PDB file of N, CA and C in Angstrom:
ATOM      1  N   MET A   1       0.860  -1.164   0.000  1.00  0.00           N
ATOM      2  CA  MET A   1       0.000   0.000   0.000  1.00  0.00           C
ATOM      3  C   MET A   1       0.907   1.228   0.000  1.00  0.00           C
ATOM      4  N   LYS A   2       0.483   2.271  -0.698  1.00  0.00           N
ATOM      5  CA  LYS A   2       1.233   3.534  -0.752  1.00  0.00           C
ATOM      6  C   LYS A   2       0.294   4.668  -0.376  1.00  0.00           C
ATOM      7  N   ILE A   3       0.732   5.492   0.575  1.00  0.00           N
ATOM      8  CA  ILE A   3      -0.068   6.606   1.068  1.00  0.00           C
ATOM      9  C   ILE A   3       0.542   7.905   0.575  1.00  0.00           C
ATOM     10  N   GLN A   4      -0.311   8.808   0.096  1.00  0.00           N
ATOM     11  CA  GLN A   4       0.146  10.124  -0.337  1.00  0.00           C
ATOM     12  C   GLN A   4      -0.840  11.176   0.142  1.00  0.00           C
ATOM     13  N   VAL A   5      -0.306  12.369   0.460  1.00  0.00           N
ATOM     14  CA  VAL A   5      -1.137  13.512   0.827  1.00  0.00           C
ATOM     15  C   VAL A   5      -0.971  14.558  -0.265  1.00  0.00           C
ATOM     16  N   ASP A   6      -2.088  14.983  -0.851  1.00  0.00           N
ATOM     17  CA  ASP A   6      -2.076  16.032  -1.867  1.00  0.00           C
ATOM     18  C   ASP A   6      -2.038  17.373  -1.145  1.00  0.00           C
ATOM     19  N   THR A   7      -0.855  17.978  -1.067  1.00  0.00           N
ATOM     20  CA  THR A   7      -0.710  19.227  -0.327  1.00  0.00           C
ATOM     21  C   THR A   7      -1.378  20.408  -1.011  1.00  0.00           C
ATOM     22  N   ASP A   8      -1.701  20.270  -2.284  1.00  0.00           N
ATOM     23  CA  ASP A   8      -2.456  21.327  -2.964  1.00  0.00           C
ATOM     24  C   ASP A   8      -3.909  21.330  -2.510  1.00  0.00           C
ATOM     25  N   ARG A   9      -4.393  20.188  -2.107  1.00  0.00           N
ATOM     26  CA  ARG A   9      -5.783  20.044  -1.675  1.00  0.00           C
ATOM     27  C   ARG A   9      -5.928  20.173  -0.154  1.00  0.00           C
ATOM     28  N   CYS A  10      -4.904  19.770   0.597  1.00  0.00           N
ATOM     29  CA  CYS A  10      -4.949  19.747   2.061  1.00  0.00           C
ATOM     30  C   CYS A  10      -5.222  21.138   2.627  1.00  0.00           C
ATOM     31  N   VAL A  11      -6.066  21.186   3.647  1.00  0.00           N
ATOM     32  CA  VAL A  11      -6.387  22.452   4.318  1.00  0.00           C
ATOM     33  C   VAL A  11      -5.816  22.502   5.741  1.00  0.00           C
ATOM     34  N   GLY A  12      -5.088  21.473   6.132  1.00  0.00           N
ATOM     35  CA  GLY A  12      -4.444  21.467   7.432  1.00  0.00           C
ATOM     36  C   GLY A  12      -5.363  21.200   8.606  1.00  0.00           C
ATOM     37  N   ALA A  13      -6.435  20.467   8.384  1.00  0.00           N
ATOM     38  CA  ALA A  13      -7.366  20.166   9.471  1.00  0.00           C
ATOM     39  C   ALA A  13      -6.711  19.307  10.550  1.00  0.00           C
ATOM     40  N   GLY A  14      -5.737  18.489  10.184  1.00  0.00           N
ATOM     41  CA  GLY A  14      -5.003  17.688  11.142  1.00  0.00           C
ATOM     42  C   GLY A  14      -5.680  16.407  11.579  1.00  0.00           C
ATOM     43  N   LEU A  15      -6.806  16.078  10.959  1.00  0.00           N
ATOM     44  CA  LEU A  15      -7.518  14.869  11.354  1.00  0.00           C
ATOM     45  C   LEU A  15      -6.731  13.604  11.052  1.00  0.00           C
ATOM     46  N   CYS A  16      -5.899  13.642  10.023  1.00  0.00           N
ATOM     47  CA  CYS A  16      -5.082  12.463   9.701  1.00  0.00           C
ATOM     48  C   CYS A  16      -4.095  12.181  10.826  1.00  0.00           C
ATOM     49  N   ALA A  17      -3.443  13.221  11.323  1.00  0.00           N
ATOM     50  CA  ALA A  17      -2.478  13.055  12.407  1.00  0.00           C
ATOM     51  C   ALA A  17      -3.156  12.618  13.700  1.00  0.00           C
ATOM     52  N   LEU A  18      -4.374  13.038  13.906  1.00  0.00           N
ATOM     53  CA  LEU A  18      -5.127  12.610  15.084  1.00  0.00           C
ATOM     54  C   LEU A  18      -5.576  11.154  14.962  1.00  0.00           C
ATOM     55  N   ALA A  19      -5.987  10.763  13.759  1.00  0.00           N
ATOM     56  CA  ALA A  19      -6.497   9.401  13.541  1.00  0.00           C
ATOM     57  C   ALA A  19      -5.382   8.363  13.516  1.00  0.00           C
ATOM     58  N   ALA A  20      -4.258   8.696  12.901  1.00  0.00           N
ATOM     59  CA  ALA A  20      -3.152   7.737  12.753  1.00  0.00           C
ATOM     60  C   ALA A  20      -1.819   8.443  13.009  1.00  0.00           C
ATOM     61  N   PRO A  21      -1.536   8.797  14.261  1.00  0.00           N
ATOM     62  CA  PRO A  21      -0.318   9.548  14.562  1.00  0.00           C
ATOM     63  C   PRO A  21       0.980   8.795  14.286  1.00  0.00           C
ATOM     64  N   GLY A  22       0.899   7.499  14.117  1.00  0.00           N
ATOM     65  CA  GLY A  22       2.083   6.726  13.779  1.00  0.00           C
ATOM     66  C   GLY A  22       2.432   6.774  12.310  1.00  0.00           C
ATOM     67  N   VAL A  23       1.549   7.365  11.504  1.00  0.00           N
ATOM     68  CA  VAL A  23       1.764   7.433  10.054  1.00  0.00           C
ATOM     69  C   VAL A  23       1.775   8.883   9.566  1.00  0.00           C
ATOM     70  N   PHE A  24       0.919   9.730  10.140  1.00  0.00           N
ATOM     71  CA  PHE A  24       0.777  11.105   9.660  1.00  0.00           C
ATOM     72  C   PHE A  24       1.276  12.121  10.682  1.00  0.00           C
ATOM     73  N   THR A  25       1.683  13.267  10.169  1.00  0.00           N
ATOM     74  CA  THR A  25       2.058  14.417  10.975  1.00  0.00           C
ATOM     75  C   THR A  25       1.615  15.658  10.218  1.00  0.00           C
ATOM     76  N   GLN A  26       1.916  16.820  10.768  1.00  0.00           N
ATOM     77  CA  GLN A  26       1.690  18.062  10.038  1.00  0.00           C
ATOM     78  C   GLN A  26       3.042  18.706   9.808  1.00  0.00           C
ATOM     79  N   ASP A  27       3.251  19.209   8.598  1.00  0.00           N
ATOM     80  CA  ASP A  27       4.537  19.807   8.264  1.00  0.00           C
ATOM     81  C   ASP A  27       4.637  21.223   8.834  1.00  0.00           C
ATOM     82  N   ASP A  28       5.707  21.914   8.525  1.00  0.00           N
ATOM     83  CA  ASP A  28       5.938  23.260   9.059  1.00  0.00           C
ATOM     84  C   ASP A  28       4.874  24.260   8.635  1.00  0.00           C
ATOM     85  N   ASP A  29       4.180  23.977   7.539  1.00  0.00           N
ATOM     86  CA  ASP A  29       3.102  24.852   7.063  1.00  0.00           C
ATOM     87  C   ASP A  29       1.751  24.438   7.623  1.00  0.00           C
ATOM     88  N   GLY A  30       1.728  23.387   8.449  1.00  0.00           N
ATOM     89  CA  GLY A  30       0.479  22.915   9.037  1.00  0.00           C
ATOM     90  C   GLY A  30      -0.298  21.956   8.157  1.00  0.00           C
ATOM     91  N   LEU A  31       0.297  21.531   7.057  1.00  0.00           N
ATOM     92  CA  LEU A  31      -0.376  20.611   6.143  1.00  0.00           C
ATOM     93  C   LEU A  31      -0.066  19.174   6.522  1.00  0.00           C
ATOM     94  N   GLY A  32      -0.978  18.282   6.188  1.00  0.00           N
ATOM     95  CA  GLY A  32      -0.781  16.867   6.463  1.00  0.00           C
ATOM     96  C   GLY A  32       0.406  16.322   5.699  1.00  0.00           C
ATOM     97  N   ALA A  33       1.117  15.406   6.325  1.00  0.00           N
ATOM     98  CA  ALA A  33       2.271  14.778   5.694  1.00  0.00           C
ATOM     99  C   ALA A  33       2.418  13.367   6.244  1.00  0.00           C
ATOM    100  N   VAL A  34       2.980  12.503   5.432  1.00  0.00           N
ATOM    101  CA  VAL A  34       3.266  11.136   5.858  1.00  0.00           C
ATOM    102  C   VAL A  34       4.646  11.151   6.513  1.00  0.00           C
ATOM    103  N   LEU A  35       4.753  10.516   7.658  1.00  0.00           N
ATOM    104  CA  LEU A  35       6.037  10.445   8.352  1.00  0.00           C
ATOM    105  C   LEU A  35       7.056   9.702   7.488  1.00  0.00           C
ATOM    106  N   PRO A  36       8.317  10.127   7.503  1.00  0.00           N
ATOM    107  CA  PRO A  36       9.351   9.436   6.722  1.00  0.00           C
ATOM    108  C   PRO A  36       9.407   7.952   7.075  1.00  0.00           C
ATOM    109  N   GLY A  37       9.457   7.139   6.033  1.00  0.00           N
ATOM    110  CA  GLY A  37       9.525   5.704   6.217  1.00  0.00           C
ATOM    111  C   GLY A  37       8.183   5.042   6.472  1.00  0.00           C
ATOM    112  N   ARG A  38       7.111   5.806   6.530  1.00  0.00           N
ATOM    113  CA  ARG A  38       5.788   5.239   6.814  1.00  0.00           C
ATOM    114  C   ARG A  38       4.866   5.307   5.601  1.00  0.00           C
ATOM    115  N   GLU A  39       5.420   5.586   4.422  1.00  0.00           N
ATOM    116  CA  GLU A  39       4.625   5.723   3.202  1.00  0.00           C
ATOM    117  C   GLU A  39       3.832   4.479   2.856  1.00  0.00           C
ATOM    118  N   ASP A  40       4.213   3.342   3.432  1.00  0.00           N
ATOM    119  CA  ASP A  40       3.490   2.101   3.148  1.00  0.00           C
ATOM    120  C   ASP A  40       2.411   1.817   4.195  1.00  0.00           C
ATOM    121  N   GLY A  41       2.315   2.661   5.207  1.00  0.00           N
ATOM    122  CA  GLY A  41       1.303   2.470   6.235  1.00  0.00           C
ATOM    123  C   GLY A  41       1.690   1.451   7.268  1.00  0.00           C
ATOM    124  N   ALA A  42       2.597   0.575   6.934  1.00  0.00           N
ATOM    125  CA  ALA A  42       3.139  -0.444   7.833  1.00  0.00           C
ATOM    126  C   ALA A  42       2.073  -1.133   8.669  1.00  0.00           C
ATOM    127  N   GLY A  43       0.944  -1.421   8.066  1.00  0.00           N
ATOM    128  CA  GLY A  43      -0.104  -2.169   8.740  1.00  0.00           C
ATOM    129  C   GLY A  43      -0.854  -1.410   9.818  1.00  0.00           C
ATOM    130  N   ASP A  44      -0.709  -0.096   9.865  1.00  0.00           N
ATOM    131  CA  ASP A  44      -1.419   0.679  10.880  1.00  0.00           C
ATOM    132  C   ASP A  44      -2.921   0.582  10.631  1.00  0.00           C
ATOM    133  N   PRO A  45      -3.684   0.095  11.590  1.00  0.00           N
ATOM    134  CA  PRO A  45      -5.126  -0.098  11.383  1.00  0.00           C
ATOM    135  C   PRO A  45      -5.921   1.200  11.291  1.00  0.00           C
ATOM    136  N   HIS A  46      -5.294   2.329  11.600  1.00  0.00           N
ATOM    137  CA  HIS A  46      -6.012   3.600  11.600  1.00  0.00           C
ATOM    138  C   HIS A  46      -5.842   4.410  10.308  1.00  0.00           C
ATOM    139  N   VAL A  47      -5.039   3.902   9.381  1.00  0.00           N
ATOM    140  CA  VAL A  47      -4.803   4.636   8.133  1.00  0.00           C
ATOM    141  C   VAL A  47      -6.110   4.868   7.376  1.00  0.00           C
ATOM    142  N   ARG A  48      -6.919   3.847   7.277  1.00  0.00           N
ATOM    143  CA  ARG A  48      -8.184   3.997   6.539  1.00  0.00           C
ATOM    144  C   ARG A  48      -9.118   4.990   7.239  1.00  0.00           C
ATOM    145  N   ASP A  49      -9.074   5.042   8.566  1.00  0.00           N
ATOM    146  CA  ASP A  49      -9.852   6.049   9.296  1.00  0.00           C
ATOM    147  C   ASP A  49      -9.386   7.453   8.926  1.00  0.00           C
ATOM    148  N   ALA A  50      -8.081   7.624   8.800  1.00  0.00           N
ATOM    149  CA  ALA A  50      -7.532   8.922   8.416  1.00  0.00           C
ATOM    150  C   ALA A  50      -7.971   9.305   7.008  1.00  0.00           C
ATOM    151  N   VAL A  51      -7.946   8.342   6.100  1.00  0.00           N
ATOM    152  CA  VAL A  51      -8.372   8.606   4.719  1.00  0.00           C
ATOM    153  C   VAL A  51      -9.843   9.005   4.687  1.00  0.00           C
ATOM    154  N   ARG A  52     -10.684   8.249   5.378  1.00  0.00           N
ATOM    155  CA  ARG A  52     -12.122   8.561   5.414  1.00  0.00           C
ATOM    156  C   ARG A  52     -12.405   9.876   6.126  1.00  0.00           C
ATOM    157  N   GLY A  53     -11.605  10.215   7.129  1.00  0.00           N
ATOM    158  CA  GLY A  53     -11.851  11.406   7.932  1.00  0.00           C
ATOM    159  C   GLY A  53     -11.370  12.706   7.321  1.00  0.00           C
ATOM    160  N   CYS A  54     -10.580  12.643   6.274  1.00  0.00           N
ATOM    161  CA  CYS A  54     -10.069  13.871   5.659  1.00  0.00           C
ATOM    162  C   CYS A  54     -11.225  14.652   5.044  1.00  0.00           C
ATOM    163  N   PRO A  55     -11.436  15.898   5.501  1.00  0.00           N
ATOM    164  CA  PRO A  55     -12.591  16.657   5.023  1.00  0.00           C
ATOM    165  C   PRO A  55     -12.511  17.092   3.561  1.00  0.00           C
ATOM    166  N   VAL A  56     -11.320  17.032   2.976  1.00  0.00           N
ATOM    167  CA  VAL A  56     -11.169  17.457   1.579  1.00  0.00           C
ATOM    168  C   VAL A  56     -10.622  16.347   0.682  1.00  0.00           C
ATOM    169  N   GLN A  57     -10.625  15.104   1.196  1.00  0.00           N
ATOM    170  CA  GLN A  57     -10.143  13.936   0.459  1.00  0.00           C
ATOM    171  C   GLN A  57      -8.754  14.164  -0.129  1.00  0.00           C
ATOM    172  N   ALA A  58      -7.847  14.669   0.698  1.00  0.00           N
ATOM    173  CA  ALA A  58      -6.479  14.950   0.249  1.00  0.00           C
ATOM    174  C   ALA A  58      -5.549  13.742   0.360  1.00  0.00           C
ATOM    175  N   ILE A  59      -6.020  12.677   0.987  1.00  0.00           N
ATOM    176  CA  ILE A  59      -5.170  11.497   1.184  1.00  0.00           C
ATOM    177  C   ILE A  59      -5.580  10.407   0.207  1.00  0.00           C
ATOM    178  N   SER A  60      -4.577   9.893  -0.503  1.00  0.00           N
ATOM    179  CA  SER A  60      -4.852   8.779  -1.406  1.00  0.00           C
ATOM    180  C   SER A  60      -4.135   7.544  -0.890  1.00  0.00           C
ATOM    181  N   LEU A  61      -4.771   6.425  -1.109  1.00  0.00           N
ATOM    182  CA  LEU A  61      -4.278   5.134  -0.653  1.00  0.00           C
ATOM    183  C   LEU A  61      -4.294   4.202  -1.844  1.00  0.00           C
ATOM    184  N   ASN A  62      -3.117   3.856  -2.319  1.00  0.00           N
ATOM    185  CA  ASN A  62      -2.995   2.957  -3.459  1.00  0.00           C
ATOM    186  C   ASN A  62      -2.598   1.598  -2.923  1.00  0.00           C
ATOM    187  N   GLU A  63      -3.502   0.645  -3.019  1.00  0.00           N
ATOM    188  CA  GLU A  63      -3.263  -0.665  -2.428  1.00  0.00           C
ATOM    189  C   GLU A  63      -2.574  -1.654  -3.359  1.00  0.00           C
ATOM    190  N   SER A  64      -2.320  -1.279  -4.599  1.00  0.00           N
ATOM    191  CA  SER A  64      -1.608  -2.188  -5.506  1.00  0.00           C
ATOM    192  C   SER A  64      -0.114  -2.042  -5.296  1.00  0.00           C
ATOM    193  N   ARG A  65       0.605  -3.074  -5.578  1.00  0.00           N
ATOM    194  CA  ARG A  65       2.068  -3.048  -5.387  1.00  0.00           C
ATOM    195  C   ARG A  65       2.769  -3.067  -6.697  1.00  0.00           C
TER     196      ARG A  65
END
């Protein structure tokens, strides 16, 4: 699985970091970002909650390898 945050779409709500703090953070501009080395989600059960919870659908989850 590959996780990406579209920073052009992100509004910095921070719900991703709240839902899955082991995978997401907020960058210096307050926008959502994937933590280094966590782009694959590493089996975090909360990643899908973060994707569903994003108010502007800025997070994409590509499950193909």
